[in-house]
Amino acid sequence: MPDSATLPTRRDEAWRYADIDAVAKIGVAAIGAWQDIDLPAGETRRETLIIGGDEPVARRIRVTLGEASRFEMFATNAGGDYTRLELEVTLGKGAHFEFGGVTIGGGDATREFVTTTIHAEPEATSNQTVRSVHWDTATGNFLGEIKVAKDAQQTDAAQDFKGLLLEAGASANAVPQLEIFADDVKCAHGATVGQLDESARYYMAARGLSPEMAKRLLVQAFIGDAFVALDDQAEHERLLEAALSALEEASL
């Protein structure tokens, strides 16, 4: 984590793919500001977030989970400039952290999620699902670090990233990191990047769907996994629609 008195550079691992010019526009004070959430034992809290607009944004949230508490964060990042959501989560015994996020958009913007998940005590679980859809020369990033302390036995932690590039100039970067000091743990991560399934698109077009509708349905199916754990239907639809609205602006 960069010192709050100075701007980060790409030498900082968590900022290696950042748009450093945009970071400078955000400024030292905003970059150094954290929102702190302390969740008492046994409590549950859910946050949903849509990041949009044409200005650079860096949102940083630090969460501490008490014993058997649960924190859920679901986010759609569809900003038109450099937009970043960073989470640092420390889990107590038997706590759970759930994260589902989508970065989506075109232009030349960089959109990213950065997470540091610290399993500090035994029997805690975490699950992170990120989907990235980009076109033009846009970039989607996910930097996810999982740290398991020596005494955090029976940890169960997972990360899953999938990127979908709708044009050749777009890119997606995934950097999963594991730092494990306990021996009785389950830690898994996966990362894949690909293109739209043209055979499926052709199949749908052959049955009368317009190219735009076929594209929308395929992307909707792709990003849906990020919000599958969100059981609030209204919020689920709001986050999904924010992502699909960004897609409709693309002339692909």
C-alpha atoms as a PDB file:
ATOM      1  CA  MET A   1       0.000   0.000   0.000  1.00  0.00           C
ATOM      2  CA  PRO A   2       1.476   3.370  -0.992  1.00  0.00           C
ATOM      3  CA  ASP A   3       2.188   5.986   1.625  1.00  0.00           C
ATOM      4  CA  SER A   4      -0.769   8.372   1.918  1.00  0.00           C
ATOM      5  CA  ALA A   5       1.575  11.370   1.488  1.00  0.00           C
ATOM      6  CA  THR A   6       2.723  10.358  -1.993  1.00  0.00           C
ATOM      7  CA  LEU A   7       1.100   9.171  -5.177  1.00  0.00           C
ATOM      8  CA  PRO A   8       1.599   5.502  -6.074  1.00  0.00           C
ATOM      9  CA  THR A   9       3.646   4.403  -9.062  1.00  0.00           C
ATOM     10  CA  ARG A  10       3.659   1.227 -11.130  1.00  0.00           C
ATOM     11  CA  ARG A  11       6.442  -0.039  -8.887  1.00  0.00           C
ATOM     12  CA  ASP A  12       3.727  -0.612  -6.293  1.00  0.00           C
ATOM     13  CA  GLU A  13       2.377  -4.078  -7.063  1.00  0.00           C
ATOM     14  CA  ALA A  14      -1.233  -3.079  -6.471  1.00  0.00           C
ATOM     15  CA  TRP A  15      -0.894  -0.225  -9.002  1.00  0.00           C
ATOM     16  CA  ARG A  16       1.101  -2.010 -11.691  1.00  0.00           C
ATOM     17  CA  TYR A  17      -1.607  -1.683 -14.374  1.00  0.00           C
ATOM     18  CA  ALA A  18      -3.078   1.635 -13.199  1.00  0.00           C
ATOM     19  CA  ASP A  19      -3.440   4.736 -15.350  1.00  0.00           C
ATOM     20  CA  ILE A  20      -0.864   6.793 -13.480  1.00  0.00           C
ATOM     21  CA  ASP A  21      -1.783  10.061 -15.231  1.00  0.00           C
ATOM     22  CA  ALA A  22      -5.372   9.621 -14.070  1.00  0.00           C
ATOM     23  CA  VAL A  23      -4.172   8.742 -10.576  1.00  0.00           C
ATOM     24  CA  ALA A  24      -2.392  12.099 -10.462  1.00  0.00           C
ATOM     25  CA  LYS A  25      -5.663  13.833 -11.373  1.00  0.00           C
ATOM     26  CA  ILE A  26      -7.419  12.114  -8.473  1.00  0.00           C
ATOM     27  CA  GLY A  27      -4.808  13.511  -6.109  1.00  0.00           C
ATOM     28  CA  VAL A  28      -2.955  12.447  -3.001  1.00  0.00           C
ATOM     29  CA  ALA A  29      -5.761  13.222  -0.540  1.00  0.00           C
ATOM     30  CA  ALA A  30      -8.365  11.133  -2.361  1.00  0.00           C
ATOM     31  CA  ILE A  31      -5.958   8.260  -3.015  1.00  0.00           C
ATOM     32  CA  GLY A  32      -5.011   8.134   0.654  1.00  0.00           C
ATOM     33  CA  ALA A  33      -8.604   8.154   1.914  1.00  0.00           C
ATOM     34  CA  TRP A  34     -10.095   4.873   3.159  1.00  0.00           C
ATOM     35  CA  GLN A  35     -13.643   4.073   4.173  1.00  0.00           C
ATOM     36  CA  ASP A  36     -13.474   1.847   7.258  1.00  0.00           C
ATOM     37  CA  ILE A  37     -16.144  -0.746   8.032  1.00  0.00           C
ATOM     38  CA  ASP A  38     -15.993  -2.732  11.276  1.00  0.00           C
ATOM     39  CA  LEU A  39     -18.495  -5.558  11.445  1.00  0.00           C
ATOM     40  CA  PRO A  40     -19.216  -6.954  14.944  1.00  0.00           C
ATOM     41  CA  ALA A  41     -19.409 -10.674  15.604  1.00  0.00           C
ATOM     42  CA  GLY A  42     -22.351 -12.436  13.992  1.00  0.00           C
ATOM     43  CA  GLU A  43     -23.537  -9.495  11.884  1.00  0.00           C
ATOM     44  CA  THR A  44     -24.102  -9.327   8.122  1.00  0.00           C
ATOM     45  CA  ARG A  45     -23.637  -6.365   5.830  1.00  0.00           C
ATOM     46  CA  ARG A  46     -24.069  -6.000   2.085  1.00  0.00           C
ATOM     47  CA  GLU A  47     -22.850  -3.172  -0.127  1.00  0.00           C
ATOM     48  CA  THR A  48     -23.698  -2.641  -3.803  1.00  0.00           C
ATOM     49  CA  LEU A  49     -21.906  -0.100  -5.957  1.00  0.00           C
ATOM     50  CA  ILE A  50     -22.089   1.236  -9.496  1.00  0.00           C
ATOM     51  CA  ILE A  51     -19.084   3.213 -10.700  1.00  0.00           C
ATOM     52  CA  GLY A  52     -19.745   5.338 -13.775  1.00  0.00           C
ATOM     53  CA  GLY A  53     -19.222   8.823 -15.153  1.00  0.00           C
ATOM     54  CA  ASP A  54     -16.357  10.300 -17.135  1.00  0.00           C
ATOM     55  CA  GLU A  55     -14.069  11.338 -14.283  1.00  0.00           C
ATOM     56  CA  PRO A  56     -11.312   9.195 -12.713  1.00  0.00           C
ATOM     57  CA  VAL A  57     -12.338   7.517  -9.464  1.00  0.00           C
ATOM     58  CA  ALA A  58     -10.404   5.602  -6.795  1.00  0.00           C
ATOM     59  CA  ARG A  59     -12.603   4.145  -4.065  1.00  0.00           C
ATOM     60  CA  ARG A  60     -10.856   2.372  -1.169  1.00  0.00           C
ATOM     61  CA  ILE A  61     -12.678   0.355   1.508  1.00  0.00           C
ATOM     62  CA  ARG A  62     -11.107  -1.383   4.509  1.00  0.00           C
ATOM     63  CA  VAL A  63     -13.281  -4.009   6.226  1.00  0.00           C
ATOM     64  CA  THR A  64     -12.708  -5.853   9.510  1.00  0.00           C
ATOM     65  CA  LEU A  65     -14.971  -8.842  10.163  1.00  0.00           C
ATOM     66  CA  GLY A  66     -15.702 -10.128  13.657  1.00  0.00           C
ATOM     67  CA  GLU A  67     -16.279 -13.770  14.490  1.00  0.00           C
ATOM     68  CA  ALA A  68     -18.929 -15.459  12.299  1.00  0.00           C
ATOM     69  CA  SER A  69     -19.816 -12.178  10.568  1.00  0.00           C
ATOM     70  CA  ARG A  70     -20.441 -11.812   6.833  1.00  0.00           C
ATOM     71  CA  PHE A  71     -19.607  -9.023   4.403  1.00  0.00           C
ATOM     72  CA  GLU A  72     -20.820  -8.941   0.794  1.00  0.00           C
ATOM     73  CA  MET A  73     -19.760  -6.473  -1.885  1.00  0.00           C
ATOM     74  CA  PHE A  74     -21.177  -6.439  -5.417  1.00  0.00           C
ATOM     75  CA  ALA A  75     -20.077  -3.845  -7.952  1.00  0.00           C
ATOM     76  CA  THR A  76     -20.383  -2.800 -11.582  1.00  0.00           C
ATOM     77  CA  ASN A  77     -17.471  -0.693 -12.807  1.00  0.00           C
ATOM     78  CA  ALA A  78     -18.433   0.993 -16.079  1.00  0.00           C
ATOM     79  CA  GLY A  79     -16.603   4.311 -15.774  1.00  0.00           C
ATOM     80  CA  GLY A  80     -15.440   6.311 -18.760  1.00  0.00           C
ATOM     81  CA  ASP A  81     -12.011   7.087 -17.318  1.00  0.00           C
ATOM     82  CA  TYR A  82      -9.683   5.341 -14.870  1.00  0.00           C
ATOM     83  CA  THR A  83     -11.940   3.785 -12.236  1.00  0.00           C
ATOM     84  CA  ARG A  84     -10.732   1.646  -9.352  1.00  0.00           C
ATOM     85  CA  LEU A  85     -12.377  -0.121  -6.442  1.00  0.00           C
ATOM     86  CA  GLU A  86      -9.956  -1.412  -3.818  1.00  0.00           C
ATOM     87  CA  LEU A  87     -10.963  -3.642  -0.915  1.00  0.00           C
ATOM     88  CA  GLU A  88      -8.887  -4.751   2.045  1.00  0.00           C
ATOM     89  CA  VAL A  89     -10.753  -7.328   4.124  1.00  0.00           C
ATOM     90  CA  THR A  90      -9.559  -8.943   7.372  1.00  0.00           C
ATOM     91  CA  LEU A  91     -11.587 -11.958   8.488  1.00  0.00           C
ATOM     92  CA  GLY A  92     -12.083 -13.150  12.056  1.00  0.00           C
ATOM     93  CA  LYS A  93     -12.868 -16.727  13.044  1.00  0.00           C
ATOM     94  CA  GLY A  94     -15.623 -18.288  10.953  1.00  0.00           C
ATOM     95  CA  ALA A  95     -16.301 -15.055   9.034  1.00  0.00           C
ATOM     96  CA  HIS A  96     -17.184 -14.902   5.335  1.00  0.00           C
ATOM     97  CA  PHE A  97     -16.331 -12.414   2.571  1.00  0.00           C
ATOM     98  CA  GLU A  98     -18.226 -12.494  -0.727  1.00  0.00           C
ATOM     99  CA  PHE A  99     -17.259 -10.306  -3.688  1.00  0.00           C
ATOM    100  CA  GLY A 100     -18.838 -10.170  -7.123  1.00  0.00           C
ATOM    101  CA  GLY A 101     -17.707  -7.577  -9.634  1.00  0.00           C
ATOM    102  CA  VAL A 102     -17.972  -6.649 -13.305  1.00  0.00           C
ATOM    103  CA  THR A 103     -15.738  -4.263 -15.228  1.00  0.00           C
ATOM    104  CA  ILE A 104     -17.196  -3.336 -18.596  1.00  0.00           C
ATOM    105  CA  GLY A 105     -16.745  -0.686 -21.265  1.00  0.00           C
ATOM    106  CA  GLY A 106     -14.906   0.657 -24.262  1.00  0.00           C
ATOM    107  CA  GLY A 107     -12.877   3.724 -25.146  1.00  0.00           C
ATOM    108  CA  ASP A 108      -9.355   3.809 -23.776  1.00  0.00           C
ATOM    109  CA  ALA A 109     -10.325   3.622 -20.102  1.00  0.00           C
ATOM    110  CA  THR A 110      -8.814   1.379 -17.453  1.00  0.00           C
ATOM    111  CA  ARG A 111     -11.244  -0.188 -14.989  1.00  0.00           C
ATOM    112  CA  GLU A 112     -10.062  -2.301 -12.114  1.00  0.00           C
ATOM    113  CA  PHE A 113     -10.784  -4.159  -8.915  1.00  0.00           C
ATOM    114  CA  VAL A 114      -8.028  -4.694  -6.380  1.00  0.00           C
ATOM    115  CA  THR A 115      -8.613  -6.915  -3.350  1.00  0.00           C
ATOM    116  CA  THR A 116      -6.490  -7.961  -0.395  1.00  0.00           C
ATOM    117  CA  THR A 117      -8.174 -10.694   1.637  1.00  0.00           C
ATOM    118  CA  ILE A 118      -6.523 -11.448   4.964  1.00  0.00           C
ATOM    119  CA  HIS A 119      -7.558 -14.692   6.644  1.00  0.00           C
ATOM    120  CA  ALA A 120      -6.296 -13.858  10.118  1.00  0.00           C
ATOM    121  CA  GLU A 121      -8.128 -16.533  12.143  1.00  0.00           C
ATOM    122  CA  PRO A 122      -9.371 -20.119  11.625  1.00  0.00           C
ATOM    123  CA  GLU A 123     -12.421 -21.386   9.736  1.00  0.00           C
ATOM    124  CA  ALA A 124     -13.080 -18.253   7.688  1.00  0.00           C
ATOM    125  CA  THR A 125     -14.193 -18.414   4.050  1.00  0.00           C
ATOM    126  CA  SER A 126     -14.023 -16.055   1.098  1.00  0.00           C
ATOM    127  CA  ASN A 127     -15.232 -16.159  -2.479  1.00  0.00           C
ATOM    128  CA  GLN A 128     -14.500 -13.666  -5.251  1.00  0.00           C
ATOM    129  CA  THR A 129     -15.995 -13.764  -8.743  1.00  0.00           C
ATOM    130  CA  VAL A 130     -14.961 -11.151 -11.298  1.00  0.00           C
ATOM    131  CA  ARG A 131     -16.020 -10.777 -14.923  1.00  0.00           C
ATOM    132  CA  SER A 132     -14.440  -8.317 -17.361  1.00  0.00           C
ATOM    133  CA  VAL A 133     -15.895  -7.265 -20.750  1.00  0.00           C
ATOM    134  CA  HIS A 134     -14.058  -4.684 -22.865  1.00  0.00           C
ATOM    135  CA  TRP A 135     -13.726  -3.347 -26.380  1.00  0.00           C
ATOM    136  CA  ASP A 136     -11.950  -0.550 -28.317  1.00  0.00           C
ATOM    137  CA  THR A 137      -8.620  -0.187 -26.463  1.00  0.00           C
ATOM    138  CA  ALA A 138     -10.057  -0.442 -22.959  1.00  0.00           C
ATOM    139  CA  THR A 139      -8.480  -2.487 -20.164  1.00  0.00           C
ATOM    140  CA  GLY A 140     -10.028  -4.467 -17.322  1.00  0.00           C
ATOM    141  CA  ASN A 141      -7.877  -5.450 -14.346  1.00  0.00           C
ATOM    142  CA  PHE A 142      -8.283  -7.705 -11.331  1.00  0.00           C
ATOM    143  CA  LEU A 143      -5.510  -7.876  -8.758  1.00  0.00           C
ATOM    144  CA  GLY A 144      -6.514 -10.235  -5.989  1.00  0.00           C
ATOM    145  CA  GLU A 145      -4.242 -11.189  -3.101  1.00  0.00           C
ATOM    146  CA  ILE A 146      -5.165 -13.781  -0.466  1.00  0.00           C
ATOM    147  CA  LYS A 147      -3.120 -13.943   2.735  1.00  0.00           C
ATOM    148  CA  VAL A 148      -3.551 -16.815   5.172  1.00  0.00           C
ATOM    149  CA  ALA A 149      -1.977 -16.394   8.615  1.00  0.00           C
ATOM    150  CA  LYS A 150      -0.179 -19.220  10.398  1.00  0.00           C
ATOM    151  CA  ASP A 151      -3.038 -19.850  12.824  1.00  0.00           C
ATOM    152  CA  ALA A 152      -5.811 -19.525  10.226  1.00  0.00           C
ATOM    153  CA  GLN A 153      -6.397 -23.251   9.815  1.00  0.00           C
ATOM    154  CA  GLN A 154      -9.396 -24.562   7.842  1.00  0.00           C
ATOM    155  CA  THR A 155      -9.430 -21.485   5.650  1.00  0.00           C
ATOM    156  CA  ASP A 156     -11.424 -21.870   2.423  1.00  0.00           C
ATOM    157  CA  ALA A 157     -10.707 -19.129  -0.129  1.00  0.00           C
ATOM    158  CA  ALA A 158     -11.451 -18.893  -3.847  1.00  0.00           C
ATOM    159  CA  GLN A 159     -11.046 -16.422  -6.701  1.00  0.00           C
ATOM    160  CA  ASP A 160     -12.424 -16.744 -10.218  1.00  0.00           C
ATOM    161  CA  PHE A 161     -11.690 -14.283 -13.041  1.00  0.00           C
ATOM    162  CA  LYS A 162     -12.893 -14.431 -16.632  1.00  0.00           C
ATOM    163  CA  GLY A 163     -12.296 -11.810 -19.299  1.00  0.00           C
ATOM    164  CA  LEU A 164     -14.199 -11.309 -22.552  1.00  0.00           C
ATOM    165  CA  LEU A 165     -12.612  -9.139 -25.252  1.00  0.00           C
ATOM    166  CA  LEU A 166     -15.026  -7.935 -27.913  1.00  0.00           C
ATOM    167  CA  GLU A 167     -12.335  -6.293 -30.065  1.00  0.00           C
ATOM    168  CA  ALA A 168      -8.690  -7.053 -30.704  1.00  0.00           C
ATOM    169  CA  GLY A 169      -7.404  -3.816 -29.169  1.00  0.00           C
ATOM    170  CA  ALA A 170      -8.918  -4.440 -25.726  1.00  0.00           C
ATOM    171  CA  SER A 171      -7.096  -6.206 -22.888  1.00  0.00           C
ATOM    172  CA  ALA A 172      -7.701  -7.861 -19.548  1.00  0.00           C
ATOM    173  CA  ASN A 173      -5.208  -8.531 -16.774  1.00  0.00           C
ATOM    174  CA  ALA A 174      -5.594 -10.865 -13.815  1.00  0.00           C
ATOM    175  CA  VAL A 175      -3.010 -11.179 -11.045  1.00  0.00           C
ATOM    176  CA  PRO A 176      -4.065 -13.743  -8.421  1.00  0.00           C
ATOM    177  CA  GLN A 177      -1.643 -14.028  -5.492  1.00  0.00           C
ATOM    178  CA  LEU A 178      -1.556 -16.465  -2.594  1.00  0.00           C
ATOM    179  CA  GLU A 179       0.500 -16.096   0.584  1.00  0.00           C
ATOM    180  CA  ILE A 180      -0.189 -19.095   2.812  1.00  0.00           C
ATOM    181  CA  PHE A 181       1.387 -19.855   6.176  1.00  0.00           C
ATOM    182  CA  ALA A 182      -1.170 -22.416   7.427  1.00  0.00           C
ATOM    183  CA  ASP A 183      -1.207 -26.064   6.297  1.00  0.00           C
ATOM    184  CA  ASP A 184      -4.895 -27.047   6.607  1.00  0.00           C
ATOM    185  CA  VAL A 185      -6.415 -24.784   3.960  1.00  0.00           C
ATOM    186  CA  LYS A 186      -8.259 -24.764   0.653  1.00  0.00           C
ATOM    187  CA  CYS A 187      -7.173 -21.924  -1.650  1.00  0.00           C
ATOM    188  CA  ALA A 188      -8.050 -21.850  -5.332  1.00  0.00           C
ATOM    189  CA  HIS A 189      -7.878 -19.338  -8.138  1.00  0.00           C
ATOM    190  CA  GLY A 190      -8.557 -19.375 -11.851  1.00  0.00           C
ATOM    191  CA  ALA A 191      -8.168 -16.865 -14.680  1.00  0.00           C
ATOM    192  CA  THR A 192      -9.158 -17.092 -18.349  1.00  0.00           C
ATOM    193  CA  VAL A 193      -9.495 -14.545 -21.163  1.00  0.00           C
ATOM    194  CA  GLY A 194     -11.281 -15.165 -24.458  1.00  0.00           C
ATOM    195  CA  GLN A 195     -13.519 -13.823 -27.197  1.00  0.00           C
ATOM    196  CA  LEU A 196     -17.245 -13.953 -27.878  1.00  0.00           C
ATOM    197  CA  ASP A 197     -18.480 -17.368 -29.018  1.00  0.00           C
ATOM    198  CA  GLU A 198     -19.218 -16.654 -32.663  1.00  0.00           C
ATOM    199  CA  SER A 199     -20.873 -20.032 -33.200  1.00  0.00           C
ATOM    200  CA  ALA A 200     -23.383 -19.217 -30.456  1.00  0.00           C
ATOM    201  CA  ARG A 201     -23.917 -15.767 -31.952  1.00  0.00           C
ATOM    202  CA  TYR A 202     -24.538 -17.304 -35.368  1.00  0.00           C
ATOM    203  CA  TYR A 203     -26.922 -19.884 -33.858  1.00  0.00           C
ATOM    204  CA  MET A 204     -28.980 -17.140 -32.236  1.00  0.00           C
ATOM    205  CA  ALA A 205     -28.990 -15.010 -35.397  1.00  0.00           C
ATOM    206  CA  ALA A 206     -30.180 -18.011 -37.422  1.00  0.00           C
ATOM    207  CA  ARG A 207     -33.213 -18.154 -35.145  1.00  0.00           C
ATOM    208  CA  GLY A 208     -34.198 -14.586 -35.753  1.00  0.00           C
ATOM    209  CA  LEU A 209     -32.399 -12.640 -33.051  1.00  0.00           C
ATOM    210  CA  SER A 210     -30.747  -9.396 -34.090  1.00  0.00           C
ATOM    211  CA  PRO A 211     -26.945  -9.176 -33.747  1.00  0.00           C
ATOM    212  CA  GLU A 212     -27.407  -6.620 -30.967  1.00  0.00           C
ATOM    213  CA  MET A 213     -29.777  -8.846 -28.986  1.00  0.00           C
ATOM    214  CA  ALA A 214     -27.550 -11.890 -29.481  1.00  0.00           C
ATOM    215  CA  LYS A 215     -24.565  -9.927 -28.210  1.00  0.00           C
ATOM    216  CA  ARG A 216     -26.525  -8.670 -25.202  1.00  0.00           C
ATOM    217  CA  LEU A 217     -27.736 -12.136 -24.221  1.00  0.00           C
ATOM    218  CA  LEU A 218     -24.283 -13.695 -24.542  1.00  0.00           C
ATOM    219  CA  VAL A 219     -22.654 -10.966 -22.474  1.00  0.00           C
ATOM    220  CA  GLN A 220     -25.458 -11.149 -19.908  1.00  0.00           C
ATOM    221  CA  ALA A 221     -24.860 -14.874 -19.503  1.00  0.00           C
ATOM    222  CA  PHE A 222     -21.115 -14.279 -19.203  1.00  0.00           C
ATOM    223  CA  ILE A 223     -21.266 -11.628 -16.482  1.00  0.00           C
ATOM    224  CA  GLY A 224     -24.161 -13.221 -14.592  1.00  0.00           C
ATOM    225  CA  ASP A 225     -21.856 -15.371 -12.456  1.00  0.00           C
ATOM    226  CA  ALA A 226     -20.524 -12.255 -10.716  1.00  0.00           C
ATOM    227  CA  PHE A 227     -23.914 -11.557  -9.166  1.00  0.00           C
ATOM    228  CA  VAL A 228     -25.210 -15.077  -8.605  1.00  0.00           C
ATOM    229  CA  ALA A 229     -24.680 -14.814  -4.827  1.00  0.00           C
ATOM    230  CA  LEU A 230     -26.690 -11.569  -4.629  1.00  0.00           C
ATOM    231  CA  ASP A 231     -30.157 -12.595  -3.451  1.00  0.00           C
ATOM    232  CA  ASP A 232     -31.665  -9.102  -3.581  1.00  0.00           C
ATOM    233  CA  GLN A 233     -33.453  -9.212  -6.937  1.00  0.00           C
ATOM    234  CA  ALA A 234     -33.834  -5.450  -7.285  1.00  0.00           C
ATOM    235  CA  GLU A 235     -30.136  -4.814  -6.657  1.00  0.00           C
ATOM    236  CA  HIS A 236     -29.205  -7.734  -8.889  1.00  0.00           C
ATOM    237  CA  GLU A 237     -31.154  -6.208 -11.780  1.00  0.00           C
ATOM    238  CA  ARG A 238     -29.770  -2.726 -11.087  1.00  0.00           C
ATOM    239  CA  LEU A 239     -26.140  -3.865 -11.265  1.00  0.00           C
ATOM    240  CA  LEU A 240     -26.768  -6.044 -14.302  1.00  0.00           C
ATOM    241  CA  GLU A 241     -28.598  -3.290 -16.165  1.00  0.00           C
ATOM    242  CA  ALA A 242     -25.794  -0.822 -15.462  1.00  0.00           C
ATOM    243  CA  ALA A 243     -23.379  -3.238 -17.119  1.00  0.00           C
ATOM    244  CA  LEU A 244     -25.622  -3.968 -20.099  1.00  0.00           C
ATOM    245  CA  SER A 245     -26.338  -0.267 -20.619  1.00  0.00           C
ATOM    246  CA  ALA A 246     -22.619   0.282 -21.111  1.00  0.00           C
ATOM    247  CA  LEU A 247     -22.638  -2.525 -23.678  1.00  0.00           C
ATOM    248  CA  GLU A 248     -25.448  -0.892 -25.658  1.00  0.00           C
ATOM    249  CA  GLU A 249     -23.232   2.133 -26.279  1.00  0.00           C
ATOM    250  CA  ALA A 250     -20.756  -0.031 -28.193  1.00  0.00           C
ATOM    251  CA  SER A 251     -20.947  -0.149 -31.999  1.00  0.00           C
ATOM    252  CA  LEU A 252     -19.575  -3.645 -32.513  1.00  0.00           C
END
